[in-house]
N, C-alpha and C. Protein backbone atom coordinates (compact mmCIF):
# COMPACT_ATOMS: atom_id res chain seq x y z
N MET A 1 0.82 -1.18 0.00
CA MET A 1 0.00 0.00 0.00
C MET A 1 0.87 1.25 0.00
N ASN A 2 1.92 1.24 0.82
CA ASN A 2 2.82 2.39 0.89
C ASN A 2 3.53 2.61 -0.43
N SER A 3 3.86 1.53 -1.12
CA SER A 3 4.55 1.67 -2.40
C SER A 3 3.65 2.33 -3.44
N ILE A 4 2.35 2.05 -3.37
CA ILE A 4 1.41 2.67 -4.30
C ILE A 4 1.33 4.17 -4.03
N LEU A 5 1.27 4.54 -2.74
CA LEU A 5 1.20 5.96 -2.38
C LEU A 5 2.48 6.68 -2.77
N LEU A 6 3.63 6.03 -2.56
CA LEU A 6 4.90 6.66 -2.93
C LEU A 6 5.02 6.82 -4.43
N THR A 7 4.57 5.83 -5.18
CA THR A 7 4.61 5.89 -6.64
C THR A 7 3.72 7.01 -7.14
N GLU A 8 2.52 7.14 -6.54
CA GLU A 8 1.59 8.18 -6.95
C GLU A 8 2.13 9.56 -6.60
N ALA A 9 2.72 9.68 -5.42
CA ALA A 9 3.28 10.97 -5.01
C ALA A 9 4.46 11.34 -5.91
N ALA A 10 5.27 10.38 -6.30
CA ALA A 10 6.41 10.64 -7.18
C ALA A 10 5.94 11.04 -8.57
N ALA A 11 4.79 10.50 -8.99
CA ALA A 11 4.27 10.81 -10.32
C ALA A 11 3.52 12.14 -10.33
N GLY A 12 3.37 12.77 -9.17
CA GLY A 12 2.67 14.05 -9.11
C GLY A 12 1.17 13.90 -8.95
N GLY A 13 0.66 12.73 -8.55
CA GLY A 13 -0.77 12.49 -8.41
C GLY A 13 -1.38 13.26 -7.28
N GLY A 14 -0.90 13.15 -6.09
CA GLY A 14 -1.29 13.87 -4.89
C GLY A 14 -2.74 14.26 -4.78
N TYR A 15 -2.92 15.55 -4.49
CA TYR A 15 -4.28 16.06 -4.23
C TYR A 15 -5.11 16.21 -5.51
N GLY A 16 -4.46 16.37 -6.63
CA GLY A 16 -5.20 16.51 -7.89
C GLY A 16 -6.03 15.29 -8.21
N SER A 17 -5.48 14.11 -7.99
CA SER A 17 -6.24 12.89 -8.30
C SER A 17 -7.38 12.68 -7.30
N ILE A 18 -7.15 13.12 -6.05
CA ILE A 18 -8.21 12.99 -5.05
C ILE A 18 -9.36 13.93 -5.41
N LEU A 19 -9.04 15.16 -5.81
CA LEU A 19 -10.09 16.11 -6.21
C LEU A 19 -10.83 15.62 -7.45
N MET A 20 -10.10 15.01 -8.37
CA MET A 20 -10.74 14.49 -9.57
C MET A 20 -11.69 13.34 -9.20
N MET A 21 -11.29 12.49 -8.26
CA MET A 21 -12.14 11.40 -7.83
C MET A 21 -13.40 11.93 -7.14
N VAL A 22 -13.24 12.95 -6.30
CA VAL A 22 -14.39 13.56 -5.64
C VAL A 22 -15.32 14.18 -6.68
N GLY A 23 -14.74 14.79 -7.70
CA GLY A 23 -15.54 15.37 -8.78
C GLY A 23 -16.35 14.31 -9.52
N TYR A 24 -15.73 13.18 -9.81
CA TYR A 24 -16.45 12.09 -10.48
C TYR A 24 -17.59 11.56 -9.60
N ILE A 25 -17.33 11.45 -8.32
CA ILE A 25 -18.38 10.97 -7.41
C ILE A 25 -19.53 11.97 -7.37
N ALA A 26 -19.21 13.27 -7.35
CA ALA A 26 -20.26 14.30 -7.35
C ALA A 26 -21.08 14.26 -8.63
N ILE A 27 -20.41 14.11 -9.76
CA ILE A 27 -21.12 14.04 -11.05
C ILE A 27 -22.00 12.79 -11.09
N PHE A 28 -21.49 11.67 -10.60
CA PHE A 28 -22.27 10.44 -10.57
C PHE A 28 -23.49 10.60 -9.66
N GLY A 29 -23.31 11.26 -8.50
CA GLY A 29 -24.43 11.50 -7.59
C GLY A 29 -25.49 12.38 -8.22
N LEU A 30 -25.08 13.42 -8.92
CA LEU A 30 -26.05 14.29 -9.61
C LEU A 30 -26.80 13.53 -10.71
N ALA A 31 -26.08 12.69 -11.43
CA ALA A 31 -26.73 11.91 -12.49
C ALA A 31 -27.78 10.97 -11.90
N ILE A 32 -27.46 10.33 -10.80
CA ILE A 32 -28.42 9.45 -10.13
C ILE A 32 -29.65 10.25 -9.70
N TYR A 33 -29.42 11.44 -9.13
CA TYR A 33 -30.55 12.27 -8.67
C TYR A 33 -31.46 12.63 -9.83
N PHE A 34 -30.90 13.15 -10.92
CA PHE A 34 -31.73 13.62 -12.02
C PHE A 34 -32.34 12.50 -12.85
N LEU A 35 -31.74 11.33 -12.86
CA LEU A 35 -32.27 10.22 -13.64
C LEU A 35 -33.20 9.31 -12.86
N MET A 36 -33.08 9.28 -11.52
CA MET A 36 -33.88 8.33 -10.75
C MET A 36 -34.74 9.00 -9.69
N VAL A 37 -34.18 9.85 -8.87
CA VAL A 37 -34.90 10.39 -7.72
C VAL A 37 -35.93 11.43 -8.14
N LYS A 38 -35.54 12.38 -8.97
CA LYS A 38 -36.44 13.47 -9.36
C LYS A 38 -37.68 12.96 -10.12
N PRO A 39 -37.56 12.06 -11.10
CA PRO A 39 -38.76 11.55 -11.75
C PRO A 39 -39.68 10.78 -10.80
N GLN A 40 -39.10 10.07 -9.84
CA GLN A 40 -39.91 9.33 -8.87
C GLN A 40 -40.71 10.29 -8.00
N LYS A 41 -40.08 11.38 -7.57
CA LYS A 41 -40.79 12.38 -6.76
C LYS A 41 -41.90 13.05 -7.57
N LYS A 42 -41.65 13.30 -8.85
CA LYS A 42 -42.66 13.92 -9.71
C LYS A 42 -43.86 12.99 -9.86
N GLU A 43 -43.62 11.71 -10.06
CA GLU A 43 -44.70 10.73 -10.18
C GLU A 43 -45.47 10.62 -8.86
N GLN A 44 -44.77 10.67 -7.74
CA GLN A 44 -45.42 10.59 -6.44
C GLN A 44 -46.33 11.79 -6.21
N LYS A 45 -45.89 12.98 -6.59
CA LYS A 45 -46.74 14.17 -6.46
C LYS A 45 -47.96 14.07 -7.36
N ARG A 46 -47.79 13.54 -8.57
CA ARG A 46 -48.91 13.38 -9.49
C ARG A 46 -49.95 12.43 -8.92
N MET A 47 -49.49 11.33 -8.33
CA MET A 47 -50.42 10.36 -7.74
C MET A 47 -51.14 10.94 -6.53
N GLU A 48 -50.43 11.72 -5.71
CA GLU A 48 -51.07 12.34 -4.55
C GLU A 48 -52.14 13.32 -5.00
N ALA A 49 -51.87 14.09 -6.05
CA ALA A 49 -52.87 15.03 -6.57
C ALA A 49 -54.07 14.28 -7.14
N LEU A 50 -53.80 13.17 -7.84
CA LEU A 50 -54.88 12.37 -8.42
C LEU A 50 -55.77 11.78 -7.33
N LEU A 51 -55.16 11.24 -6.28
CA LEU A 51 -55.93 10.62 -5.21
C LEU A 51 -56.66 11.65 -4.36
N SER A 52 -56.13 12.86 -4.26
CA SER A 52 -56.80 13.88 -3.45
C SER A 52 -58.04 14.44 -4.14
N THR A 53 -58.10 14.34 -5.47
CA THR A 53 -59.26 14.85 -6.20
C THR A 53 -60.30 13.76 -6.46
N MET A 54 -60.07 12.57 -5.95
CA MET A 54 -61.00 11.47 -6.17
C MET A 54 -62.31 11.72 -5.43
N ALA A 55 -63.43 11.44 -6.10
CA ALA A 55 -64.75 11.70 -5.52
C ALA A 55 -65.68 10.53 -5.85
N PRO A 56 -66.79 10.39 -5.12
CA PRO A 56 -67.76 9.35 -5.45
C PRO A 56 -68.25 9.49 -6.89
N GLY A 57 -68.37 8.35 -7.56
CA GLY A 57 -68.81 8.33 -8.95
C GLY A 57 -67.67 8.19 -9.94
N ASP A 58 -66.43 8.35 -9.50
CA ASP A 58 -65.28 8.21 -10.38
C ASP A 58 -65.01 6.74 -10.66
N SER A 59 -64.59 6.45 -11.87
CA SER A 59 -64.17 5.08 -12.22
C SER A 59 -62.69 4.95 -11.88
N VAL A 60 -62.32 3.82 -11.28
CA VAL A 60 -60.93 3.63 -10.86
C VAL A 60 -60.41 2.28 -11.34
N LEU A 61 -59.10 2.19 -11.44
CA LEU A 61 -58.40 0.94 -11.72
C LEU A 61 -57.50 0.67 -10.53
N THR A 62 -57.60 -0.53 -9.95
CA THR A 62 -56.80 -0.87 -8.78
C THR A 62 -55.48 -1.50 -9.22
N THR A 63 -54.56 -1.64 -8.27
CA THR A 63 -53.27 -2.25 -8.57
C THR A 63 -53.41 -3.71 -8.97
N SER A 64 -54.50 -4.35 -8.57
CA SER A 64 -54.71 -5.76 -8.93
C SER A 64 -55.41 -5.91 -10.27
N GLY A 65 -55.75 -4.79 -10.93
CA GLY A 65 -56.32 -4.86 -12.27
C GLY A 65 -57.84 -4.83 -12.32
N PHE A 66 -58.51 -4.56 -11.21
CA PHE A 66 -59.96 -4.51 -11.20
C PHE A 66 -60.45 -3.09 -11.46
N TYR A 67 -61.50 -2.98 -12.27
CA TYR A 67 -62.15 -1.70 -12.52
C TYR A 67 -63.35 -1.59 -11.60
N GLY A 68 -63.59 -0.41 -11.07
CA GLY A 68 -64.72 -0.21 -10.19
C GLY A 68 -65.14 1.25 -10.15
N VAL A 69 -66.18 1.51 -9.38
CA VAL A 69 -66.70 2.87 -9.21
C VAL A 69 -66.61 3.23 -7.73
N VAL A 70 -66.12 4.42 -7.45
CA VAL A 70 -65.96 4.88 -6.07
C VAL A 70 -67.34 5.20 -5.50
N ILE A 71 -67.62 4.65 -4.31
CA ILE A 71 -68.87 4.89 -3.62
C ILE A 71 -68.68 5.92 -2.50
N ASP A 72 -67.59 5.78 -1.75
CA ASP A 72 -67.33 6.67 -0.62
C ASP A 72 -65.82 6.86 -0.47
N VAL A 73 -65.42 8.07 -0.03
CA VAL A 73 -64.00 8.39 0.15
C VAL A 73 -63.81 8.94 1.56
N THR A 74 -62.83 8.39 2.29
CA THR A 74 -62.42 8.94 3.58
C THR A 74 -60.96 9.36 3.47
N ASP A 75 -60.32 9.62 4.60
CA ASP A 75 -58.95 10.13 4.58
C ASP A 75 -57.99 9.20 3.84
N ASP A 76 -57.94 7.93 4.22
CA ASP A 76 -56.99 7.02 3.60
C ASP A 76 -57.63 5.77 3.01
N THR A 77 -58.95 5.66 3.08
CA THR A 77 -59.63 4.51 2.49
C THR A 77 -60.71 4.96 1.51
N VAL A 78 -61.09 4.01 0.68
CA VAL A 78 -62.09 4.24 -0.37
C VAL A 78 -62.97 3.00 -0.43
N ILE A 79 -64.26 3.19 -0.63
CA ILE A 79 -65.15 2.04 -0.85
C ILE A 79 -65.45 2.00 -2.35
N VAL A 80 -65.11 0.87 -2.96
CA VAL A 80 -65.24 0.71 -4.41
C VAL A 80 -66.25 -0.38 -4.70
N GLU A 81 -67.15 -0.11 -5.66
CA GLU A 81 -68.15 -1.08 -6.09
C GLU A 81 -67.67 -1.70 -7.40
N PHE A 82 -67.63 -3.02 -7.43
CA PHE A 82 -67.15 -3.74 -8.61
C PHE A 82 -68.32 -4.39 -9.32
N GLY A 83 -68.40 -4.22 -10.63
CA GLY A 83 -69.45 -4.84 -11.43
C GLY A 83 -70.81 -4.22 -11.19
N ASN A 84 -71.84 -4.91 -11.65
CA ASN A 84 -73.20 -4.42 -11.51
C ASN A 84 -73.85 -4.88 -10.21
N ASN A 85 -73.19 -5.74 -9.48
CA ASN A 85 -73.74 -6.28 -8.25
C ASN A 85 -73.55 -5.26 -7.13
N LYS A 86 -74.65 -4.76 -6.58
CA LYS A 86 -74.58 -3.74 -5.53
C LYS A 86 -74.03 -4.31 -4.23
N ASN A 87 -73.94 -5.63 -4.10
CA ASN A 87 -73.42 -6.25 -2.88
C ASN A 87 -71.90 -6.37 -2.89
N CYS A 88 -71.29 -6.07 -4.01
CA CYS A 88 -69.84 -6.21 -4.12
C CYS A 88 -69.17 -4.86 -3.92
N ARG A 89 -69.16 -4.41 -2.68
CA ARG A 89 -68.51 -3.15 -2.31
C ARG A 89 -67.37 -3.47 -1.36
N ILE A 90 -66.19 -3.05 -1.74
CA ILE A 90 -65.00 -3.43 -0.99
C ILE A 90 -64.25 -2.18 -0.54
N PRO A 91 -63.97 -2.07 0.77
CA PRO A 91 -63.12 -0.96 1.22
C PRO A 91 -61.65 -1.27 0.92
N MET A 92 -60.91 -0.28 0.48
CA MET A 92 -59.49 -0.46 0.18
C MET A 92 -58.74 0.83 0.43
N GLN A 93 -57.44 0.72 0.55
CA GLN A 93 -56.61 1.89 0.75
C GLN A 93 -56.52 2.69 -0.54
N LYS A 94 -56.36 4.00 -0.39
CA LYS A 94 -56.22 4.86 -1.57
C LYS A 94 -54.98 4.51 -2.37
N THR A 95 -53.95 4.03 -1.70
CA THR A 95 -52.70 3.71 -2.40
C THR A 95 -52.84 2.52 -3.34
N ALA A 96 -53.94 1.76 -3.23
CA ALA A 96 -54.17 0.61 -4.11
C ALA A 96 -54.80 1.03 -5.44
N ILE A 97 -55.00 2.32 -5.64
CA ILE A 97 -55.62 2.81 -6.87
C ILE A 97 -54.54 3.41 -7.76
N THR A 98 -54.52 3.00 -9.03
CA THR A 98 -53.48 3.46 -9.95
C THR A 98 -54.00 4.48 -10.95
N GLN A 99 -55.28 4.40 -11.33
CA GLN A 99 -55.85 5.34 -12.30
C GLN A 99 -57.23 5.78 -11.84
N VAL A 100 -57.55 7.03 -12.13
CA VAL A 100 -58.87 7.58 -11.81
C VAL A 100 -59.40 8.24 -13.06
N GLU A 101 -60.64 7.93 -13.42
CA GLU A 101 -61.28 8.54 -14.56
C GLU A 101 -62.56 9.22 -14.10
N LYS A 102 -62.65 10.52 -14.30
CA LYS A 102 -63.82 11.29 -13.91
C LYS A 102 -64.96 11.00 -14.87
N PRO A 103 -66.22 11.09 -14.41
CA PRO A 103 -67.35 10.86 -15.31
C PRO A 103 -67.37 11.84 -16.48
N GLU A 104 -66.90 13.08 -16.29
CA GLU A 104 -66.87 14.06 -17.38
C GLU A 104 -65.90 13.63 -18.47
N ASP A 105 -64.77 13.01 -18.07
CA ASP A 105 -63.78 12.55 -19.04
C ASP A 105 -64.36 11.43 -19.90
N ALA A 106 -65.14 10.54 -19.31
CA ALA A 106 -65.72 9.42 -20.05
C ALA A 106 -66.78 9.95 -21.03
N ALA A 107 -67.55 10.96 -20.62
CA ALA A 107 -68.58 11.52 -21.51
C ALA A 107 -67.94 12.27 -22.66
N ALA A 108 -66.81 12.93 -22.43
CA ALA A 108 -66.13 13.67 -23.48
C ALA A 108 -65.49 12.74 -24.51
N ALA A 109 -65.10 11.53 -24.08
CA ALA A 109 -64.46 10.57 -24.98
C ALA A 109 -65.46 9.96 -25.96
N GLU A 110 -66.74 9.95 -25.60
CA GLU A 110 -67.75 9.33 -26.46
C GLU A 110 -68.24 10.24 -27.52
């Protein structure tokens, strides 16, 4: 180990190579932030906005792939009715919902 340090010091590596290594680490950290962390935060904010505007009568898609209609909304839970059977109403967490379609959006598409 000492021979490597002596060789590097003799070659003039010293603090310049350490600063260059720190620079590479900083650039790599920034790349990770802009390519992974920032888009994830943006998607999380979009989902929070989507779930906060959810109201009874909206059509939803759950994480398990079921389509349903929102019957009631509380702080962190939602009661969703699946199919035409009025007895099939299931309470679930808001985080289990991936898509929300407003009734106005469905009417505009037709």
